[in-house]
Amino acid sequence: MEFKFDNYEVWFITGAQLLYGGDAVVAVDAHSNEMVKGLNDSGNLPVKVVYKGTANSSAEISEIMRAANGDPKCIGMITWMHTFSPAKMWIHGLMDFKKPLLHLHTQYNEKIPWSDIDMDFMNLNQSAHGDREFGHITSRLRKPRKVVVGYWKDKSTQEKISTWMRVCTGWADAQDMLIIRFGDNMNNVAVTDGDKVEAEIRLGYHVDNAPIATLVPYVNAVTEAEIDALVAEYEKVYDFAADCKKGAKKHQFVRDAAAQEIGLRRFLEDKGAKGFTTSFNELEGMKQLMGFASQRLMTEGYGFGAEGDWKTAALVRTMWVMGQGLPGGQSFLEDYTLNFDGENSSILQAHMLEINPDITGVKPRVEVHFLGIGDSKTCARLVFQAHSGKGIATTIVDMGNRFRMVVNEVEVIDPQPLPKLPVACALWKPMPNFEIGAGAWILAGGTHHSSFSFAVTTEMMEDYAEIADIEMLIIDKDTNIRQFKQNLRNNEVYYMLNKALR
């Protein structure tokens, strides 16, 4: 599935006013052009910055903001106040603006020219003044935004902008995201379901049901030659168990999985879908659960959620977009079983079949085993263990009056050998430790499914929640249960009052 940062751009607008004369406006414009060129030439930003000029009036600001709303390439706006820009000029433009906003608090010059500074310099370089005026009006309007403070040439400042840009691409991608749901939510599970209408209003993505019978003709139409070619690709990138190789008794299951992969990909392409869910209770006409195909399609960027979990499918896709080009990988995962071991107590993450091989550092192994859950029987799958390292587990849950995002920072560690467990898995310690991390997640109402990433950071998810205007809860090294419970109570009051005021 193709994704390119080149398809997007972030606009840059500089705030000023005509009070200081035409020469000042010319200087502001020159400085802004130099800064935007420097940001683009740095090589640290994934998305091109496009300078849209210096805004000196309410009409100019509104025109740029409306143009940004209507341009599908524009995924966000960076604002910077070079001089003092009276905030009343920004009211109508900001009220109209519907895309992510980053307020860059910086200055053209790095240091004060101590021996030469005069009032002309002071009047021209007023970011310390102007950015506070702009900050006031965005706060007064309750405008969600990210504030980045730092010198524009510094790598650390550019990295913060880069983080926000990645989130903006994930947000833009979600606004036309279609999730195909093969079958309904399974077994009356509450946490994996939710309000799909509110999700489309708040988060942008649309969820459509597709009976599994509509997929079967796509799978049946796959030719033997196409299967041969795809199995040959498997043989290049994976190890094979002896009973799965050509001529062995279980090889046909691998071929059936290849047909499912080709058919499923074509179905999703025809629908224009970016993600899907499966159900092991609805497999009429299918020879096995599409676990192998799900693993393969996640590596291409399709979102996946098991058992009808459409929120996780969407989040897996969004985090894949955010993490493009960054090392480590990401995947759908599920809390399966616990290992009590003092300070090293941990949670084994797995699922029946559907884990993305991007999170392993070893060559996955093609195996075929009996599954025996729901309507599924014998299935092909890729078996591996996730590499070690730090990552985040993320979920979005429907709390009835709002969506809540929960992020737990985790450390993936190496498990003991698992010779009889024929599935992909990861073993992690939740931060700050097992007792607090798992307890806080449960108190927050977090799912047993999660979207996991080695590449995406907590800061990215904070930015995403800010753009989406949804509740955000972080479980990290500084979390303690008493304060976490108080945060839950405070948030409940906040959202109840917020709803009442609306």
Protein backbone atom coordinates (compact mmCIF):
# COMPACT_ATOMS: atom_id res chain seq x y z
CA MET A 1 0.00 0.00 0.00
CA GLU A 2 1.64 3.23 -1.15
CA PHE A 3 2.25 6.11 1.25
CA LYS A 4 4.47 9.13 0.61
CA PHE A 5 5.21 12.15 2.75
CA ASP A 6 5.73 13.98 -0.57
CA ASN A 7 1.95 14.00 -1.02
CA TYR A 8 1.64 16.49 1.83
CA GLU A 9 2.85 19.94 2.83
CA VAL A 10 2.72 22.15 5.92
CA TRP A 11 2.08 25.85 5.46
CA PHE A 12 4.07 28.55 7.26
CA ILE A 13 2.59 31.99 8.00
CA THR A 14 4.39 34.85 9.74
CA GLY A 15 2.57 37.39 11.87
CA ALA A 16 3.46 41.07 11.69
CA GLN A 17 1.77 44.43 11.19
CA LEU A 18 2.29 47.63 9.17
CA LEU A 19 3.01 49.83 12.21
CA TYR A 20 6.78 49.59 11.75
CA GLY A 21 6.83 50.65 8.09
CA GLY A 22 7.42 49.04 4.71
CA ASP A 23 11.10 48.30 5.29
CA ALA A 24 10.22 46.21 8.31
CA VAL A 25 7.69 44.20 6.31
CA VAL A 26 10.32 43.53 3.64
CA ALA A 27 12.79 42.38 6.29
CA VAL A 28 10.21 40.13 7.95
CA ASP A 29 9.40 38.52 4.61
CA ALA A 30 13.09 37.96 3.79
CA HIS A 31 13.76 36.42 7.19
CA SER A 32 10.72 34.14 6.85
CA ASN A 33 11.78 32.91 3.43
CA GLU A 34 15.27 32.16 4.75
CA MET A 35 13.88 30.29 7.73
CA VAL A 36 11.52 28.15 5.66
CA LYS A 37 14.32 27.31 3.23
CA GLY A 38 16.56 26.41 6.15
CA LEU A 39 13.94 24.12 7.65
CA ASN A 40 13.43 22.34 4.33
CA ASP A 41 17.17 22.05 3.66
CA SER A 42 17.88 20.65 7.13
CA GLY A 43 16.88 17.12 6.13
CA ASN A 44 15.20 16.72 9.53
CA LEU A 45 11.60 17.28 8.45
CA PRO A 46 9.55 14.59 6.67
CA VAL A 47 7.08 17.05 5.11
CA LYS A 48 7.84 20.11 2.97
CA VAL A 49 7.23 23.52 4.54
CA VAL A 50 5.57 26.04 2.21
CA TYR A 51 5.83 29.74 3.05
CA LYS A 52 2.51 31.51 2.58
CA GLY A 53 3.63 35.01 3.36
CA THR A 54 3.51 37.61 6.09
CA ALA A 55 0.05 38.41 7.39
CA ASN A 56 -0.53 42.04 8.34
CA SER A 57 -4.31 42.15 8.59
CA SER A 58 -7.36 40.13 9.55
CA ALA A 59 -8.38 39.80 5.89
CA GLU A 60 -4.99 38.38 4.89
CA ILE A 61 -5.04 35.87 7.75
CA SER A 62 -8.58 34.72 6.97
CA GLU A 63 -7.76 34.27 3.30
CA ILE A 64 -4.77 32.05 4.07
CA MET A 65 -6.65 30.02 6.66
CA ARG A 66 -9.59 29.38 4.34
CA ALA A 67 -7.22 28.37 1.55
CA ALA A 68 -5.49 25.92 3.89
CA ASN A 69 -8.82 24.34 4.82
CA GLY A 70 -9.62 23.74 1.17
CA ASP A 71 -6.24 22.41 0.03
CA PRO A 72 -5.98 18.61 0.44
CA LYS A 73 -2.17 18.77 0.35
CA CYS A 74 -2.02 21.10 3.35
CA ILE A 75 -2.06 19.02 6.54
CA GLY A 76 -1.26 21.74 9.03
CA MET A 77 -0.12 25.30 9.68
CA ILE A 78 2.98 26.69 11.43
CA THR A 79 2.54 30.20 12.79
CA TRP A 80 5.31 32.50 14.00
CA MET A 81 5.14 36.11 15.14
CA HIS A 82 8.25 37.95 13.92
CA THR A 83 7.04 41.27 15.31
CA PHE A 84 4.11 42.21 17.47
CA SER A 85 0.97 40.94 15.68
CA PRO A 86 -2.22 42.21 17.37
CA ALA A 87 -4.26 39.15 18.24
CA LYS A 88 -7.62 40.55 17.22
CA MET A 89 -6.41 40.18 13.64
CA TRP A 90 -6.27 36.42 14.15
CA ILE A 91 -9.71 35.81 15.62
CA HIS A 92 -11.74 35.14 12.46
CA GLY A 93 -8.99 33.18 10.75
CA LEU A 94 -8.40 30.94 13.74
CA MET A 95 -12.12 30.40 14.24
CA ASP A 96 -12.40 29.24 10.61
CA PHE A 97 -9.23 27.13 10.63
CA LYS A 98 -9.93 23.37 10.85
CA LYS A 99 -6.51 21.75 10.52
CA PRO A 100 -3.65 21.05 12.97
CA LEU A 101 -1.84 24.13 14.25
CA LEU A 102 1.73 24.52 15.50
CA HIS A 103 2.82 27.74 17.19
CA LEU A 104 6.58 28.14 16.75
CA HIS A 105 8.10 30.38 19.40
CA THR A 106 11.47 31.26 17.93
CA GLN A 107 13.42 34.22 16.63
CA TYR A 108 15.26 34.92 13.38
CA ASN A 109 18.51 35.84 15.11
CA GLU A 110 20.00 33.46 17.64
CA LYS A 111 21.66 35.91 20.02
CA ILE A 112 21.20 39.52 21.02
CA PRO A 113 23.78 41.73 19.23
CA TRP A 114 24.86 43.35 22.46
CA SER A 115 27.06 46.09 21.06
CA ASP A 116 24.78 47.05 18.15
CA ILE A 117 21.25 46.60 19.42
CA ASP A 118 19.03 49.67 18.98
CA MET A 119 15.32 50.44 18.87
CA ASP A 120 15.04 49.52 15.19
CA PHE A 121 16.32 46.03 16.03
CA MET A 122 14.01 45.84 19.03
CA ASN A 123 10.95 46.82 17.02
CA LEU A 124 11.73 44.35 14.25
CA ASN A 125 12.56 41.35 16.42
CA GLN A 126 9.65 41.06 18.83
CA SER A 127 8.93 37.33 18.89
CA ALA A 128 9.19 37.37 22.69
CA HIS A 129 6.37 39.91 22.63
CA GLY A 130 4.32 38.83 19.61
CA ASP A 131 4.21 35.12 20.38
CA ARG A 132 2.69 35.82 23.78
CA GLU A 133 -0.03 37.88 22.18
CA PHE A 134 -0.73 35.05 19.73
CA GLY A 135 -0.61 32.52 22.55
CA HIS A 136 -3.26 34.48 24.41
CA ILE A 137 -5.76 34.48 21.56
CA THR A 138 -5.33 30.77 20.81
CA SER A 139 -5.90 30.06 24.49
CA ARG A 140 -8.88 32.43 24.60
CA LEU A 141 -10.39 30.62 21.61
CA ARG A 142 -9.60 27.22 23.21
CA LYS A 143 -7.76 26.33 20.01
CA PRO A 144 -5.95 22.96 20.14
CA ARG A 145 -2.35 23.43 19.07
CA LYS A 146 1.23 22.36 19.68
CA VAL A 147 3.70 24.94 21.00
CA VAL A 148 7.35 24.43 20.05
CA VAL A 149 9.91 26.65 21.77
CA GLY A 150 13.49 26.85 20.52
CA TYR A 151 15.85 28.34 17.97
CA TRP A 152 14.71 27.39 14.48
CA LYS A 153 18.17 26.17 13.37
CA ASP A 154 18.61 23.82 16.33
CA LYS A 155 18.16 20.14 15.57
CA SER A 156 16.15 19.64 18.76
CA THR A 157 13.63 22.27 17.62
CA GLN A 158 13.40 20.73 14.17
CA GLU A 159 12.86 17.28 15.69
CA LYS A 160 9.87 18.61 17.64
CA ILE A 161 8.43 20.04 14.43
CA SER A 162 9.13 16.71 12.71
CA THR A 163 7.25 14.83 15.43
CA TRP A 164 4.22 17.06 14.95
CA MET A 165 4.41 16.71 11.15
CA ARG A 166 4.29 12.93 11.44
CA VAL A 167 1.20 13.22 13.59
CA CYS A 168 -0.38 15.58 11.06
CA THR A 169 0.12 12.98 8.31
CA GLY A 170 -1.54 10.35 10.49
CA TRP A 171 -4.44 12.71 11.15
CA ALA A 172 -4.82 13.62 7.47
CA ASP A 173 -4.70 9.95 6.49
CA ALA A 174 -7.42 9.13 9.03
CA GLN A 175 -9.84 11.68 7.64
CA ASP A 176 -10.71 9.47 4.66
CA MET A 177 -9.93 6.13 6.31
CA LEU A 178 -12.28 3.26 5.51
CA ILE A 179 -12.18 0.19 7.76
CA ILE A 180 -13.76 -2.99 6.40
CA ARG A 181 -15.28 -5.17 9.08
CA PHE A 182 -15.64 -8.82 8.08
CA GLY A 183 -18.35 -9.85 10.52
CA ASP A 184 -19.62 -7.97 13.55
CA ASN A 185 -18.07 -7.46 16.97
CA MET A 186 -17.44 -10.87 18.50
CA ASN A 187 -18.94 -12.54 21.54
CA ASN A 188 -20.58 -9.45 23.07
CA VAL A 189 -17.21 -7.88 23.89
CA ALA A 190 -17.72 -4.25 25.00
CA VAL A 191 -14.29 -2.66 24.89
CA THR A 192 -13.61 -3.46 21.24
CA ASP A 193 -16.89 -1.94 20.10
CA GLY A 194 -18.11 1.64 20.30
CA ASP A 195 -19.93 4.50 18.62
CA LYS A 196 -18.94 4.41 14.96
CA VAL A 197 -20.88 7.57 14.17
CA GLU A 198 -19.06 9.55 16.85
CA ALA A 199 -15.76 8.07 15.67
CA GLU A 200 -16.39 9.42 12.19
CA ILE A 201 -17.31 12.84 13.61
CA ARG A 202 -14.39 13.02 16.02
CA LEU A 203 -11.64 10.92 14.40
CA GLY A 204 -12.54 10.88 10.72
CA TYR A 205 -12.69 7.21 9.83
CA HIS A 206 -15.65 5.28 8.49
CA VAL A 207 -16.43 1.64 9.31
CA ASP A 208 -18.28 -0.55 6.79
CA ASN A 209 -19.50 -4.10 7.28
CA ALA A 210 -18.68 -6.71 4.64
CA PRO A 211 -20.06 -10.26 4.87
CA ILE A 212 -17.25 -12.76 4.49
CA ALA A 213 -19.16 -14.14 1.50
CA THR A 214 -18.28 -10.99 -0.46
CA LEU A 215 -14.58 -11.76 -0.04
CA VAL A 216 -14.77 -15.45 -1.01
CA PRO A 217 -15.09 -14.81 -4.80
CA TYR A 218 -11.92 -12.70 -4.70
CA VAL A 219 -9.99 -15.54 -3.07
CA ASN A 220 -11.44 -18.19 -5.38
CA ALA A 221 -10.48 -16.12 -8.44
CA VAL A 222 -6.76 -16.22 -7.62
CA THR A 223 -4.90 -18.36 -10.18
CA GLU A 224 -2.43 -21.13 -9.46
CA ALA A 225 0.26 -19.12 -11.24
CA GLU A 226 -0.32 -16.17 -8.93
CA ILE A 227 -0.10 -18.46 -5.92
CA ASP A 228 3.15 -19.97 -7.27
CA ALA A 229 4.70 -16.51 -7.58
CA LEU A 230 3.71 -15.42 -4.09
CA VAL A 231 4.86 -18.67 -2.45
CA ALA A 232 8.20 -18.22 -4.22
CA GLU A 233 8.41 -14.81 -2.53
CA TYR A 234 7.66 -16.42 0.84
CA GLU A 235 10.50 -18.86 0.28
CA LYS A 236 12.94 -15.97 -0.19
CA VAL A 237 12.04 -14.02 2.94
CA TYR A 238 10.96 -16.67 5.46
CA ASP A 239 12.15 -19.96 6.87
CA PHE A 240 9.77 -22.90 6.38
CA ALA A 241 8.96 -25.70 8.77
CA ALA A 242 9.76 -29.04 7.16
CA ASP A 243 6.10 -30.07 6.88
CA CYS A 244 5.23 -26.77 5.10
CA LYS A 245 7.74 -26.99 2.25
CA LYS A 246 6.79 -27.92 -1.28
CA GLY A 247 5.70 -31.52 -1.48
CA ALA A 248 5.14 -31.76 2.30
CA LYS A 249 1.76 -32.63 3.80
CA LYS A 250 0.93 -29.10 5.03
CA HIS A 251 2.13 -27.12 2.03
CA GLN A 252 -1.40 -26.73 0.67
CA PHE A 253 -2.32 -24.62 3.72
CA VAL A 254 0.47 -22.20 2.77
CA ARG A 255 -0.91 -22.01 -0.77
CA ASP A 256 -4.40 -21.37 0.59
CA ALA A 257 -2.99 -18.55 2.73
CA ALA A 258 -1.33 -17.05 -0.34
CA ALA A 259 -4.66 -17.06 -2.19
CA GLN A 260 -6.26 -15.33 0.77
CA GLU A 261 -3.56 -12.66 0.81
CA ILE A 262 -3.96 -11.88 -2.89
CA GLY A 263 -7.75 -11.92 -2.74
CA LEU A 264 -7.95 -9.81 0.42
CA ARG A 265 -5.54 -7.21 -0.95
CA ARG A 266 -7.60 -6.88 -4.15
CA PHE A 267 -10.83 -6.60 -2.16
CA LEU A 268 -9.40 -3.80 0.01
CA GLU A 269 -8.01 -2.00 -3.04
CA ASP A 270 -11.39 -2.18 -4.78
CA LYS A 271 -13.09 -0.71 -1.71
CA GLY A 272 -10.41 1.91 -1.11
CA ALA A 273 -9.98 0.63 2.44
CA LYS A 274 -6.97 1.29 4.68
CA GLY A 275 -7.76 -1.31 7.31
CA PHE A 276 -9.91 -4.29 8.20
CA THR A 277 -11.04 -6.58 10.98
CA THR A 278 -11.68 -10.32 11.01
CA SER A 279 -13.76 -12.75 13.05
CA PHE A 280 -12.92 -16.38 13.69
CA ASN A 281 -16.64 -17.06 14.14
CA GLU A 282 -17.48 -16.06 10.55
CA LEU A 283 -15.47 -18.02 8.01
CA GLU A 284 -18.15 -19.38 5.68
CA GLY A 285 -16.50 -20.28 2.38
CA MET A 286 -12.96 -19.66 3.68
CA LYS A 287 -10.52 -22.50 4.15
CA GLN A 288 -8.81 -20.94 7.18
CA LEU A 289 -8.67 -17.78 9.27
CA MET A 290 -6.78 -15.04 7.41
CA GLY A 291 -3.99 -14.79 9.95
CA PHE A 292 -1.09 -15.11 7.54
CA ALA A 293 -2.65 -12.58 5.15
CA SER A 294 -3.24 -10.17 8.05
CA GLN A 295 0.40 -10.40 9.09
CA ARG A 296 1.56 -9.69 5.56
CA LEU A 297 -0.83 -6.81 4.92
CA MET A 298 0.12 -5.06 8.16
CA THR A 299 3.68 -4.81 6.86
CA GLU A 300 2.27 -2.89 3.87
CA GLY A 301 0.43 -0.42 6.09
CA TYR A 302 -3.06 -1.85 6.35
CA GLY A 303 -4.59 -1.41 9.76
CA PHE A 304 -5.77 -4.60 11.45
CA GLY A 305 -7.97 -5.43 14.42
CA ALA A 306 -9.00 -8.90 15.51
CA GLU A 307 -12.54 -9.93 16.44
CA GLY A 308 -14.20 -6.87 14.93
CA ASP A 309 -12.00 -4.34 16.78
CA TRP A 310 -12.31 -1.44 14.33
CA LYS A 311 -10.83 1.20 16.65
CA THR A 312 -7.57 -0.73 16.95
CA ALA A 313 -7.50 -1.40 13.21
CA ALA A 314 -7.69 2.34 12.57
CA LEU A 315 -5.05 3.11 15.19
CA VAL A 316 -2.66 0.49 13.78
CA ARG A 317 -2.92 2.20 10.38
CA THR A 318 -2.46 5.69 11.85
CA MET A 319 0.61 4.71 13.85
CA TRP A 320 2.07 2.99 10.79
CA VAL A 321 1.75 6.27 8.89
CA MET A 322 3.34 8.25 11.73
CA GLY A 323 6.26 5.84 11.98
CA GLN A 324 7.15 5.65 8.29
CA GLY A 325 10.93 5.64 7.85
CA LEU A 326 11.63 5.18 11.55
CA PRO A 327 13.19 1.95 12.86
CA GLY A 328 11.58 -0.68 15.06
CA GLY A 329 8.22 -1.60 13.54
CA GLN A 330 4.67 -1.65 14.85
CA SER A 331 1.85 -4.17 15.19
CA PHE A 332 -1.51 -5.16 16.56
CA LEU A 333 -1.01 -7.05 19.85
CA GLU A 334 -3.10 -8.55 22.64
CA ASP A 335 -2.44 -9.08 26.35
CA TYR A 336 -2.48 -12.85 26.73
CA THR A 337 -0.89 -14.23 29.88
CA LEU A 338 1.07 -12.94 32.87
CA ASN A 339 4.51 -13.79 34.22
CA PHE A 340 4.95 -12.92 37.91
CA ASP A 341 8.67 -12.54 38.53
CA GLY A 342 9.24 -9.74 41.03
CA GLU A 343 10.78 -6.68 39.37
CA ASN A 344 10.78 -8.51 36.04
CA SER A 345 7.06 -9.33 36.09
CA SER A 346 5.78 -9.02 32.53
CA ILE A 347 2.93 -9.65 30.10
CA LEU A 348 3.15 -12.02 27.15
CA GLN A 349 1.66 -10.30 24.12
CA ALA A 350 0.41 -12.45 21.29
CA HIS A 351 -2.68 -13.39 19.35
CA MET A 352 -3.80 -16.49 17.59
CA LEU A 353 -2.03 -15.53 14.37
CA GLU A 354 -2.07 -11.85 13.46
CA ILE A 355 1.18 -10.15 14.55
CA ASN A 356 3.22 -7.94 12.19
CA PRO A 357 6.68 -9.42 11.46
CA ASP A 358 8.10 -5.89 11.29
CA ILE A 359 8.63 -6.03 15.07
CA THR A 360 11.09 -8.94 14.97
CA GLY A 361 14.80 -8.91 14.32
CA VAL A 362 14.94 -12.54 13.21
CA LYS A 363 13.72 -14.37 10.12
CA PRO A 364 10.09 -15.42 10.68
CA ARG A 365 9.21 -19.08 10.23
CA VAL A 366 6.23 -20.33 8.24
CA GLU A 367 4.35 -22.93 10.24
CA VAL A 368 0.95 -24.64 9.98
CA HIS A 369 -0.97 -25.74 13.07
CA PHE A 370 -4.46 -26.61 14.21
CA LEU A 371 -6.13 -23.59 15.82
CA GLY A 372 -9.46 -24.91 17.04
CA ILE A 373 -11.05 -21.60 18.08
CA GLY A 374 -14.44 -20.61 16.68
CA ASP A 375 -14.90 -21.83 13.11
CA SER A 376 -11.19 -21.84 12.31
CA LYS A 377 -9.25 -25.05 12.12
CA THR A 378 -5.76 -25.57 10.66
CA CYS A 379 -4.04 -22.32 9.67
CA ALA A 380 -0.74 -21.08 8.31
CA ARG A 381 1.10 -18.37 10.25
CA LEU A 382 4.45 -16.62 10.71
CA VAL A 383 6.08 -17.54 14.04
CA PHE A 384 8.66 -15.26 15.70
CA GLN A 385 9.47 -13.28 18.82
CA ALA A 386 9.66 -9.49 18.92
CA HIS A 387 13.07 -7.91 19.33
CA SER A 388 13.84 -6.15 22.61
CA GLY A 389 13.60 -2.41 23.10
CA LYS A 390 11.40 0.39 24.35
CA GLY A 391 8.03 1.14 22.79
CA ILE A 392 4.47 2.22 23.48
CA ALA A 393 1.18 0.35 23.68
CA THR A 394 -1.77 2.54 22.70
CA THR A 395 -5.52 2.15 22.65
CA ILE A 396 -8.62 4.27 22.12
CA VAL A 397 -11.72 3.40 24.13
CA ASP A 398 -15.27 4.73 23.98
CA MET A 399 -16.25 6.11 27.41
CA GLY A 400 -19.79 7.00 26.36
CA ASN A 401 -19.43 10.76 26.51
CA ARG A 402 -15.95 10.89 24.95
CA PHE A 403 -13.12 8.89 23.43
CA ARG A 404 -10.15 8.19 25.69
CA MET A 405 -6.64 7.44 24.48
CA VAL A 406 -4.41 5.44 26.81
CA VAL A 407 -0.66 5.14 26.23
CA ASN A 408 1.60 2.86 28.26
CA GLU A 409 5.34 3.06 27.77
CA VAL A 410 6.74 -0.48 27.83
CA GLU A 411 10.03 -2.33 27.61
CA VAL A 412 10.06 -5.41 25.41
CA ILE A 413 12.36 -8.09 26.82
CA ASP A 414 13.51 -11.48 25.59
CA PRO A 415 11.30 -14.35 26.76
CA GLN A 416 12.42 -17.85 27.64
CA PRO A 417 12.26 -20.36 24.76
CA LEU A 418 8.67 -21.18 23.73
CA PRO A 419 9.02 -24.43 21.75
CA LYS A 420 5.34 -25.38 22.04
CA LEU A 421 3.77 -21.96 21.37
CA PRO A 422 3.21 -21.74 17.59
CA VAL A 423 2.41 -18.02 17.33
CA ALA A 424 4.25 -14.72 17.11
CA CYS A 425 4.66 -12.96 20.45
CA ALA A 426 6.30 -10.18 22.45
CA LEU A 427 7.08 -10.05 26.15
CA TRP A 428 7.02 -6.67 27.82
CA LYS A 429 7.27 -4.94 31.15
CA PRO A 430 4.82 -2.05 31.46
CA MET A 431 6.21 1.14 32.92
CA PRO A 432 6.85 2.05 35.66
CA ASN A 433 6.50 -1.56 36.77
CA PHE A 434 4.06 -4.39 36.29
CA GLU A 435 1.88 -3.62 39.30
CA ILE A 436 1.37 0.08 38.56
CA GLY A 437 1.40 -0.17 34.76
CA ALA A 438 -1.15 -2.96 34.53
CA GLY A 439 -3.23 -1.49 37.34
CA ALA A 440 -3.41 1.95 35.75
CA TRP A 441 -4.34 0.48 32.36
CA ILE A 442 -7.21 -1.44 33.96
CA LEU A 443 -8.36 1.61 35.93
CA ALA A 444 -8.41 3.58 32.67
CA GLY A 445 -10.63 0.97 31.02
CA GLY A 446 -7.97 0.08 28.46
CA THR A 447 -8.54 -2.71 25.96
CA HIS A 448 -6.92 -6.12 25.88
CA HIS A 449 -5.93 -5.23 22.29
CA SER A 450 -3.41 -2.49 21.57
CA SER A 451 -1.56 -0.80 18.76
CA PHE A 452 2.11 -1.21 19.61
CA SER A 453 5.10 0.61 18.14
CA PHE A 454 8.84 0.77 18.66
CA ALA A 455 8.97 3.88 16.44
CA VAL A 456 6.06 6.08 17.48
CA THR A 457 6.56 8.07 20.69
CA THR A 458 4.34 9.18 23.54
CA GLU A 459 4.81 12.76 22.38
CA MET A 460 3.36 11.86 18.98
CA MET A 461 0.28 10.36 20.59
CA GLU A 462 -0.09 13.40 22.84
CA ASP A 463 -0.08 15.58 19.73
CA TYR A 464 -2.63 13.30 18.08
CA ALA A 465 -4.98 13.47 21.05
CA GLU A 466 -4.61 17.26 21.08
CA ILE A 467 -5.55 17.50 17.39
CA ALA A 468 -8.47 15.09 17.83
CA ASP A 469 -9.53 16.88 21.03
CA ILE A 470 -9.92 13.61 22.93
CA GLU A 471 -8.92 12.61 26.46
CA MET A 472 -5.33 11.47 26.92
CA LEU A 473 -3.90 9.29 29.73
CA ILE A 474 -0.21 8.43 29.92
CA ILE A 475 1.28 5.60 31.95
CA ASP A 476 5.06 6.00 32.18
CA LYS A 477 7.97 5.90 34.63
CA ASP A 478 6.48 8.73 36.69
CA THR A 479 3.00 7.22 37.15
CA ASN A 480 1.69 6.43 40.61
CA ILE A 481 -1.74 4.95 41.23
CA ARG A 482 -2.97 7.54 43.72
CA GLN A 483 -2.35 10.45 41.34
CA PHE A 484 -3.59 8.44 38.34
CA LYS A 485 -6.90 7.77 40.08
CA GLN A 486 -7.22 11.45 40.91
CA ASN A 487 -6.54 12.32 37.26
CA LEU A 488 -9.37 10.00 36.26
CA ARG A 489 -11.73 11.76 38.68
CA ASN A 490 -10.63 15.20 37.51
CA ASN A 491 -11.08 14.24 33.87
CA GLU A 492 -14.56 12.91 34.56
CA VAL A 493 -15.60 16.24 36.06
CA TYR A 494 -13.99 18.17 33.21
CA TYR A 495 -15.81 16.25 30.50
CA MET A 496 -19.13 16.32 32.32
CA LEU A 497 -18.91 20.09 32.68
CA ASN A 498 -17.67 20.50 29.14
CA LYS A 499 -20.69 18.59 27.84
CA ALA A 500 -23.06 20.64 30.02
CA LEU A 501 -21.58 23.94 28.78
CA ARG A 502 -22.06 22.90 25.17
